[in-house]
Protein backbone atom coordinates (compact mmCIF):
# COMPACT_ATOMS: atom_id res chain seq x y z
CA UNK A 1 -96.64 170.81 -153.66
CA UNK A 2 -99.09 172.54 -156.64
CA UNK A 3 -98.68 169.98 -158.84
CA UNK A 4 -97.04 170.93 -162.52
CA UNK A 5 -97.21 167.61 -164.65
CA UNK A 6 -94.72 164.62 -164.13
CA UNK A 7 -91.30 167.12 -164.86
CA UNK A 8 -92.69 170.79 -165.26
CA UNK A 9 -91.67 173.76 -162.84
CA UNK A 10 -90.15 175.62 -165.45
CA UNK A 11 -89.30 175.08 -169.00
CA UNK A 12 -87.79 177.94 -171.36
CA UNK A 13 -87.51 177.68 -175.50
CA UNK A 14 -85.56 179.83 -177.38
CA UNK A 15 -84.60 179.65 -181.43
CA UNK A 16 -86.71 176.43 -180.94
CA UNK A 17 -84.65 174.25 -178.58
CA UNK A 18 -86.38 173.50 -174.83
CA UNK A 19 -85.00 173.73 -171.42
CA UNK A 20 -86.69 171.62 -169.02
CA UNK A 21 -85.70 171.58 -165.20
CA UNK A 22 -87.60 169.01 -163.65
CA UNK A 23 -89.51 169.53 -160.39
CA UNK A 24 -87.96 168.11 -157.20
CA UNK A 25 -89.04 170.03 -153.70
CA UNK A 26 -85.86 170.12 -152.71
CA UNK A 27 -84.35 172.26 -155.60
CA UNK A 28 -84.21 176.23 -155.34
CA UNK A 29 -83.27 178.57 -157.88
CA UNK A 30 -79.76 179.57 -159.27
CA UNK A 31 -78.01 182.51 -160.30
CA UNK A 32 -77.17 179.90 -163.30
CA UNK A 33 -80.60 179.01 -162.99
CA UNK A 34 -81.65 182.60 -163.98
CA UNK A 35 -78.54 183.66 -165.75
CA UNK A 36 -78.83 181.62 -168.55
CA UNK A 37 -82.77 181.33 -168.81
CA UNK A 38 -83.89 185.13 -168.43
CA UNK A 39 -81.13 187.70 -167.80
CA UNK A 40 -79.04 186.77 -170.97
CA UNK A 41 -82.19 187.46 -172.77
CA UNK A 42 -82.47 191.08 -172.08
CA UNK A 43 -81.59 194.00 -173.02
CA UNK A 44 -79.66 195.13 -169.29
CA UNK A 45 -78.71 191.81 -167.76
CA UNK A 46 -76.90 193.62 -164.93
CA UNK A 47 -80.30 195.42 -164.81
CA UNK A 48 -82.40 192.10 -164.99
CA UNK A 49 -80.23 190.61 -162.25
CA UNK A 50 -80.47 193.04 -159.66
CA UNK A 51 -83.86 192.63 -159.91
CA UNK A 52 -84.06 189.39 -160.15
CA UNK A 53 -81.61 188.26 -157.78
CA UNK A 54 -83.56 188.11 -154.60
CA UNK A 55 -85.36 185.08 -156.24
CA UNK A 56 -82.26 183.52 -155.82
CA UNK A 57 -82.72 180.23 -153.59
CA UNK A 58 -86.53 180.54 -154.11
CA UNK A 59 -88.48 177.24 -154.84
CA UNK A 60 -88.69 175.89 -158.05
CA UNK A 61 -91.23 174.25 -157.75
CA UNK A 62 -93.60 177.33 -156.43
CA UNK A 63 -91.71 179.77 -159.08
CA UNK A 64 -94.47 180.51 -161.72
CA UNK A 65 -94.88 183.49 -163.93
CA UNK A 66 -96.03 185.77 -161.52
CA UNK A 67 -93.61 185.64 -158.57
CA UNK A 68 -91.17 186.13 -161.49
CA UNK A 69 -92.61 188.80 -163.36
CA UNK A 70 -93.73 190.99 -160.05
CA UNK A 71 -90.57 192.33 -158.97
CA UNK A 72 -90.14 193.66 -162.97
CA UNK A 73 -93.62 195.27 -163.11
CA UNK A 74 -93.10 196.60 -159.81
CA UNK A 75 -89.57 198.47 -160.66
CA UNK A 76 -90.91 199.65 -163.96
CA UNK A 77 -93.77 201.01 -162.92
CA UNK A 78 -91.67 202.50 -160.04
CA UNK A 79 -89.59 204.24 -162.72
CA UNK A 80 -92.73 205.89 -164.59
CA UNK A 81 -93.60 207.44 -161.93
CA UNK A 82 -90.48 208.81 -161.65
CA UNK A 83 -90.32 209.63 -164.40
CA UNK A 84 -93.65 211.38 -165.02
CA UNK A 85 -92.77 213.74 -162.09
CA UNK A 86 -89.12 214.69 -163.39
CA UNK A 87 -91.09 215.34 -166.91
CA UNK A 88 -93.50 217.73 -165.11
CA UNK A 89 -90.49 219.33 -163.21
CA UNK A 90 -88.76 220.32 -166.71
CA UNK A 91 -91.99 221.37 -168.12
CA UNK A 92 -92.97 223.75 -165.91
CA UNK A 93 -88.93 224.79 -165.98
CA UNK A 94 -88.99 225.44 -169.77
CA UNK A 95 -88.28 229.01 -171.07
CA UNK A 96 -88.11 227.97 -174.49
CA UNK A 97 -90.73 229.66 -176.33
CA UNK A 98 -90.72 227.42 -179.13
CA UNK A 99 -94.04 225.78 -178.61
CA UNK A 100 -92.18 222.89 -180.62
CA UNK A 101 -89.90 222.17 -177.85
CA UNK A 102 -93.14 222.38 -175.24
CA UNK A 103 -95.04 220.21 -177.27
CA UNK A 104 -92.05 217.30 -177.22
CA UNK A 105 -92.34 217.39 -173.01
CA UNK A 106 -96.36 217.71 -173.25
CA UNK A 107 -96.62 214.66 -175.74
CA UNK A 108 -94.04 212.99 -173.38
CA UNK A 109 -96.04 213.88 -170.27
CA UNK A 110 -99.20 212.53 -172.43
CA UNK A 111 -96.94 209.59 -173.27
CA UNK A 112 -96.44 208.33 -169.64
CA UNK A 113 -99.99 209.12 -168.36
CA UNK A 114 -100.50 206.22 -170.51
CA UNK A 115 -97.61 204.36 -169.88
CA UNK A 116 -98.89 204.55 -165.92
CA UNK A 117 -102.20 203.24 -167.04
CA UNK A 118 -101.04 200.82 -169.32
CA UNK A 119 -98.83 199.07 -166.43
CA UNK A 120 -101.59 199.06 -164.21
CA UNK A 121 -103.68 197.00 -166.59
CA UNK A 122 -100.60 194.79 -166.82
CA UNK A 123 -100.13 194.08 -163.09
CA UNK A 124 -104.23 193.19 -163.25
CA UNK A 125 -103.90 190.36 -166.28
CA UNK A 126 -99.91 189.46 -164.15
CA UNK A 127 -102.43 188.39 -161.28
CA UNK A 128 -104.74 186.34 -163.41
CA UNK A 129 -100.81 184.76 -165.35
CA UNK A 130 -101.96 186.10 -168.45
CA UNK A 131 -98.60 186.63 -169.50
CA UNK A 132 -100.02 187.45 -173.51
CA UNK A 133 -102.22 190.05 -172.00
CA UNK A 134 -99.14 191.16 -170.03
CA UNK A 135 -96.82 191.63 -172.62
CA UNK A 136 -99.38 193.56 -174.96
CA UNK A 137 -99.75 196.09 -172.38
CA UNK A 138 -95.98 196.33 -171.54
CA UNK A 139 -95.11 196.88 -175.17
CA UNK A 140 -97.57 199.41 -175.72
CA UNK A 141 -96.04 200.98 -172.86
CA UNK A 142 -92.29 201.00 -174.39
CA UNK A 143 -93.65 202.14 -177.62
CA UNK A 144 -95.14 205.16 -175.81
CA UNK A 145 -91.98 205.85 -174.10
CA UNK A 146 -89.52 205.15 -177.58
CA UNK A 147 -92.10 207.90 -179.04
CA UNK A 148 -90.96 210.40 -176.43
CA UNK A 149 -87.58 209.62 -177.74
CA UNK A 150 -87.84 210.34 -181.23
CA UNK A 151 -90.38 213.58 -180.37
CA UNK A 152 -86.40 214.89 -179.67
CA UNK A 153 -85.15 213.83 -183.08
CA UNK A 154 -83.95 217.28 -184.01
CA UNK A 155 -82.42 219.34 -181.75
CA UNK A 156 -82.59 220.93 -179.32
CA UNK A 157 -81.67 217.41 -177.75
CA UNK A 158 -83.00 215.06 -175.25
CA UNK A 159 -81.68 215.82 -171.70
CA UNK A 160 -79.52 213.24 -170.92
CA UNK A 161 -81.35 212.62 -167.47
CA UNK A 162 -84.87 211.65 -169.57
CA UNK A 163 -82.50 209.59 -171.68
CA UNK A 164 -81.55 207.66 -169.39
CA UNK A 165 -84.45 207.55 -167.46
CA UNK A 166 -86.54 206.24 -170.66
CA UNK A 167 -83.57 203.79 -171.09
CA UNK A 168 -84.23 202.47 -167.75
CA UNK A 169 -87.71 201.97 -168.29
CA UNK A 170 -87.59 199.98 -171.41
CA UNK A 171 -84.88 197.52 -170.15
CA UNK A 172 -87.50 197.14 -167.35
CA UNK A 173 -89.92 196.06 -169.54
CA UNK A 174 -87.55 194.22 -171.43
CA UNK A 175 -87.18 192.06 -169.12
CA UNK A 176 -91.03 191.66 -168.33
CA UNK A 177 -91.57 191.03 -172.18
CA UNK A 178 -88.32 187.91 -171.77
CA UNK A 179 -89.90 186.60 -169.20
CA UNK A 180 -93.88 186.51 -170.84
CA UNK A 181 -92.10 185.13 -173.93
CA UNK A 182 -90.25 182.40 -171.70
CA UNK A 183 -94.03 181.64 -170.14
CA UNK A 184 -95.74 181.25 -173.86
CA UNK A 185 -93.39 179.09 -175.09
CA UNK A 186 -93.74 177.31 -171.73
CA UNK A 187 -97.42 177.20 -170.91
CA UNK A 188 -98.42 174.70 -174.65
CA UNK A 189 -96.17 171.20 -172.76
CA UNK A 190 -96.38 172.42 -169.26
CA UNK A 191 -99.02 172.55 -166.95
CA UNK A 192 -102.01 171.39 -168.89
CA UNK A 193 -104.28 168.34 -167.76
CA UNK A 194 -103.82 165.21 -170.41
CA UNK A 195 -105.04 162.17 -170.97
CA UNK A 196 -102.91 160.21 -169.14
CA UNK A 197 -103.00 162.42 -165.87
CA UNK A 198 -106.75 161.66 -166.08
CA UNK A 199 -106.41 158.03 -166.24
CA UNK A 200 -103.99 157.65 -163.60
CA UNK A 201 -105.85 159.61 -160.96
CA UNK A 202 -109.62 157.82 -161.91
CA UNK A 203 -108.23 154.33 -161.27
CA UNK A 204 -107.40 155.23 -157.95
CA UNK A 205 -111.36 155.84 -157.22
CA UNK A 206 -114.27 153.53 -156.78
CA UNK A 207 -115.75 154.95 -159.36
CA UNK A 208 -113.23 155.08 -162.19
CA UNK A 209 -116.87 155.77 -164.62
CA UNK A 210 -118.06 158.71 -162.63
CA UNK A 211 -114.62 159.76 -162.77
CA UNK A 212 -113.59 160.07 -166.36
CA UNK A 213 -116.97 161.35 -166.73
CA UNK A 214 -116.39 164.71 -164.45
CA UNK A 215 -112.63 164.60 -165.89
CA UNK A 216 -112.56 164.24 -169.12
CA UNK A 217 -114.20 167.53 -169.78
CA UNK A 218 -110.74 168.88 -168.85
CA UNK A 219 -108.72 167.78 -171.24
CA UNK A 220 -105.88 170.10 -172.28
CA UNK A 221 -107.16 173.32 -169.59
CA UNK A 222 -104.20 174.78 -168.13
CA UNK A 223 -103.04 173.02 -164.43
CA UNK A 224 -101.73 176.84 -163.44
CA UNK A 225 -101.99 178.16 -160.92
CA UNK A 226 -103.48 176.48 -158.97
CA UNK A 227 -103.85 172.63 -160.02
CA UNK A 228 -105.97 171.23 -157.16
CA UNK A 229 -108.90 173.95 -157.99
CA UNK A 230 -107.78 172.60 -161.73
CA UNK A 231 -108.87 169.53 -161.38
CA UNK A 232 -110.84 168.97 -158.46
CA UNK A 233 -113.94 172.14 -159.01
CA UNK A 234 -116.20 170.66 -160.74
CA UNK A 235 -116.32 167.15 -158.18
CA UNK A 236 -116.59 169.15 -155.20
CA UNK A 237 -119.00 171.57 -156.34
CA UNK A 238 -120.83 168.13 -157.39
CA UNK A 239 -120.04 166.46 -153.89
CA UNK A 240 -122.06 169.74 -152.38
CA UNK A 241 -124.98 169.27 -154.44
CA UNK A 242 -125.48 165.38 -153.73
CA UNK A 243 -124.71 166.11 -150.10
CA UNK A 244 -127.16 168.68 -149.96
CA UNK A 245 -129.70 166.35 -151.74
CA UNK A 246 -128.97 163.60 -149.37
CA UNK A 247 -129.74 165.25 -146.56
CA UNK A 248 -132.94 167.13 -147.79
CA UNK A 249 -134.06 163.50 -148.55
CA UNK A 250 -133.59 162.51 -145.22
CA UNK A 251 -134.68 165.09 -142.96
CA UNK A 252 -137.91 164.89 -145.43
CA UNK A 253 -137.93 160.73 -144.85
CA UNK A 254 -137.30 161.56 -140.72
CA UNK A 255 -140.77 164.55 -140.58
CA UNK A 256 -142.55 162.07 -142.78
CA UNK A 257 -142.05 159.57 -139.95
CA UNK A 258 -142.71 162.23 -136.98
CA UNK A 259 -146.30 162.85 -139.15
CA UNK A 260 -147.03 159.80 -138.64
CA UNK A 261 -146.74 158.37 -135.54
CA UNK A 262 -144.41 156.04 -136.90
CA UNK A 263 -142.20 154.12 -133.94
CA UNK A 264 -139.61 157.25 -131.95
CA UNK A 265 -136.31 154.36 -132.78
CA UNK A 266 -136.66 154.44 -136.57
CA UNK A 267 -137.35 157.65 -136.35
CA UNK A 268 -134.02 158.47 -134.00
CA UNK A 269 -131.82 156.33 -136.68
CA UNK A 270 -132.65 158.79 -138.95
CA UNK A 271 -132.42 162.26 -136.97
CA UNK A 272 -129.11 160.57 -136.35
CA UNK A 273 -128.39 160.89 -139.82
CA UNK A 274 -129.35 164.16 -140.53
CA UNK A 275 -127.27 165.05 -137.86
CA UNK A 276 -124.21 163.31 -139.58
CA UNK A 277 -125.17 165.34 -142.53
CA UNK A 278 -124.84 168.56 -140.88
CA UNK A 279 -121.22 167.84 -140.10
CA UNK A 280 -120.61 165.86 -143.78
CA UNK A 281 -121.86 169.35 -144.96
CA UNK A 282 -120.06 171.19 -142.91
CA UNK A 283 -116.13 169.28 -143.89
CA UNK A 284 -117.37 169.64 -147.89
CA UNK A 285 -117.98 173.32 -147.55
CA UNK A 286 -114.52 173.88 -146.03
CA UNK A 287 -112.86 171.53 -148.69
CA UNK A 288 -114.11 174.00 -151.17
CA UNK A 289 -112.51 176.92 -149.38
CA UNK A 290 -109.01 174.63 -148.92
CA UNK A 291 -110.23 173.80 -153.12
CA UNK A 292 -109.86 177.28 -154.00
CA UNK A 293 -106.42 177.92 -151.67
CA UNK A 294 -104.51 175.35 -153.91
CA UNK A 295 -104.32 172.86 -150.34
CA UNK A 296 -103.89 169.25 -151.43
CA UNK A 297 -102.93 167.91 -148.28
CA UNK A 298 -105.72 169.86 -146.03
CA UNK A 299 -108.66 169.48 -149.09
CA UNK A 300 -107.21 165.46 -148.54
CA UNK A 301 -108.32 165.68 -144.62
CA UNK A 302 -111.69 167.22 -144.42
CA UNK A 303 -113.11 165.15 -147.87
CA UNK A 304 -112.03 161.88 -145.53
CA UNK A 305 -113.68 163.46 -142.45
CA UNK A 306 -116.98 163.96 -144.73
CA UNK A 307 -117.38 160.49 -145.78
CA UNK A 308 -116.34 158.98 -142.53
CA UNK A 309 -119.64 161.04 -141.60
CA UNK A 310 -121.44 158.85 -144.20
CA UNK A 311 -120.52 155.62 -143.18
CA UNK A 312 -121.30 156.72 -139.56
CA UNK A 313 -124.86 157.39 -141.73
CA UNK A 314 -125.18 155.03 -143.17
CA UNK A 315 -124.43 152.45 -140.28
CA UNK A 316 -127.88 153.97 -138.73
CA UNK A 317 -129.69 153.26 -142.34
CA UNK A 318 -128.52 149.86 -142.67
CA UNK A 319 -130.37 149.29 -138.60
CA UNK A 320 -133.50 151.00 -140.11
CA UNK A 321 -136.32 148.85 -141.43
CA UNK A 322 -137.80 151.06 -143.80
CA UNK A 323 -138.55 150.74 -147.60
CA UNK A 324 -136.70 154.16 -147.94
CA UNK A 325 -133.37 153.41 -146.47
CA UNK A 326 -131.94 151.51 -150.11
CA UNK A 327 -132.23 155.48 -152.22
CA UNK A 328 -130.86 156.93 -149.50
CA UNK A 329 -127.70 154.04 -149.01
CA UNK A 330 -127.34 154.57 -152.81
CA UNK A 331 -127.28 158.62 -152.44
CA UNK A 332 -124.27 158.16 -149.61
CA UNK A 333 -122.72 155.68 -152.54
CA UNK A 334 -122.87 158.63 -155.13
CA UNK A 335 -121.76 161.17 -152.69
CA UNK A 336 -118.49 158.74 -151.88
CA UNK A 337 -117.63 158.13 -155.01
CA UNK A 338 -117.67 161.55 -155.88
CA UNK A 339 -115.74 162.51 -152.73
CA UNK A 340 -113.09 159.48 -153.21
CA UNK A 341 -112.40 161.84 -157.27
CA UNK A 342 -111.71 164.55 -154.75
CA UNK A 343 -109.18 162.83 -152.67
CA UNK A 344 -107.50 160.71 -155.49
CA UNK A 345 -107.22 164.29 -157.11
CA UNK A 346 -104.94 165.22 -153.67
CA UNK A 347 -103.15 162.17 -153.63
CA UNK A 348 -102.13 162.94 -157.39
CA UNK A 349 -101.13 166.35 -156.38
CA UNK A 350 -98.99 165.78 -153.08
CA UNK A 351 -97.13 162.84 -154.92
CA UNK A 352 -96.13 164.39 -157.97
C-alpha cells in the first residue's frame, strides 16, 4: 500500500471543517462517503453520481486525486466534442441572414475550440496530480461556455439543445472543480514528509546520521503520488553511485594484481568479489525501477539480495592478506548503510 502518512487517504474540508478518513487496507469507497464529500457540493448531484458511481467499492487507500477526477474530465471532453460538432451543424444550417446571429454561433464554435485545448491541458496536469492547474484550465473552459450562453442574451434565443449541452458541460466541469477544491484543502495536511516520519525511518537504519542527512532535505515535500519514490529516490541513487564506485575500486585492484604477478589466490578473491558486485548492481538497478513504480515490497526484496551479495564480497575480502582490504571493506559498509535506508523506507511504507 502506498504510504499516506498515518491516517491520510482522503481529507476533505468545507467551511473550515475537515473530514478525515483513516487509511485501512480493507476499507472501500462507499456511496455515503462520496455523497457527503463530493456529490452534495456539486451543481448537479445526480449527474455527479452517474459519473463517479463506478468508484463505489474501489479501495479507499488507492483513491487518489487522479482516480477521482479522470472520469469527469473524460466526460467533459466527450461532451465538449459533441457540442462542437452540434455547433458546426447549426452554423452550416443557418438561414438567418443577420450577421450578428451568425457571429454568435461562430464565437461559440471558437470558444469550444479553446475548451477542447483547455481540457487537453487539464488532462496533462491531472496525470501529474496538479489539482491547481487542472482547476485553472477547467475554470477557463467553463468561462468560454458561459460566454457562448451570454451571446444569446438578445433574441433570437439560444436553442434549447445548445443551452442544455452547455449546462451539462458546466455541470461536469463543476464536479472537477469540487474535486480540485477538496484535494487542495487536503494536501497541506495530508501526504507530507514530516520530521517525525523521517526520525521513525532513520532509527531503523544501520546509520541514522547518514539517513537523516539523506532525508532531512525532503521535509515538507509531498508523499504523493508515490511515497516510495518521494522518500527513496535520493537514497537509491546514492546506493547506485556508491556501488559503481566500489565495483570500480575492486576491479582496479584485481587488474593491478594481475600486472604485478601477485599470487593468483589473492587475485581470485578480488575477481570473485567483483562478480558479486556485478550481481549487486543488477539488483540495485532493478530496485530503482521498482522505486519509480512504487512497489515497496519488491524494492525491499531487491535491496536485500544486493546486500547479500556485498556480504559475500566481504567474506572474500576478510580472507585476503592485502593492505587495500580495509578501504574496500569500508566502502562495502557505506553501501550497506545506504541500502538499509531504502529498506527502512520500504518497511515504513508497507507497515503504515
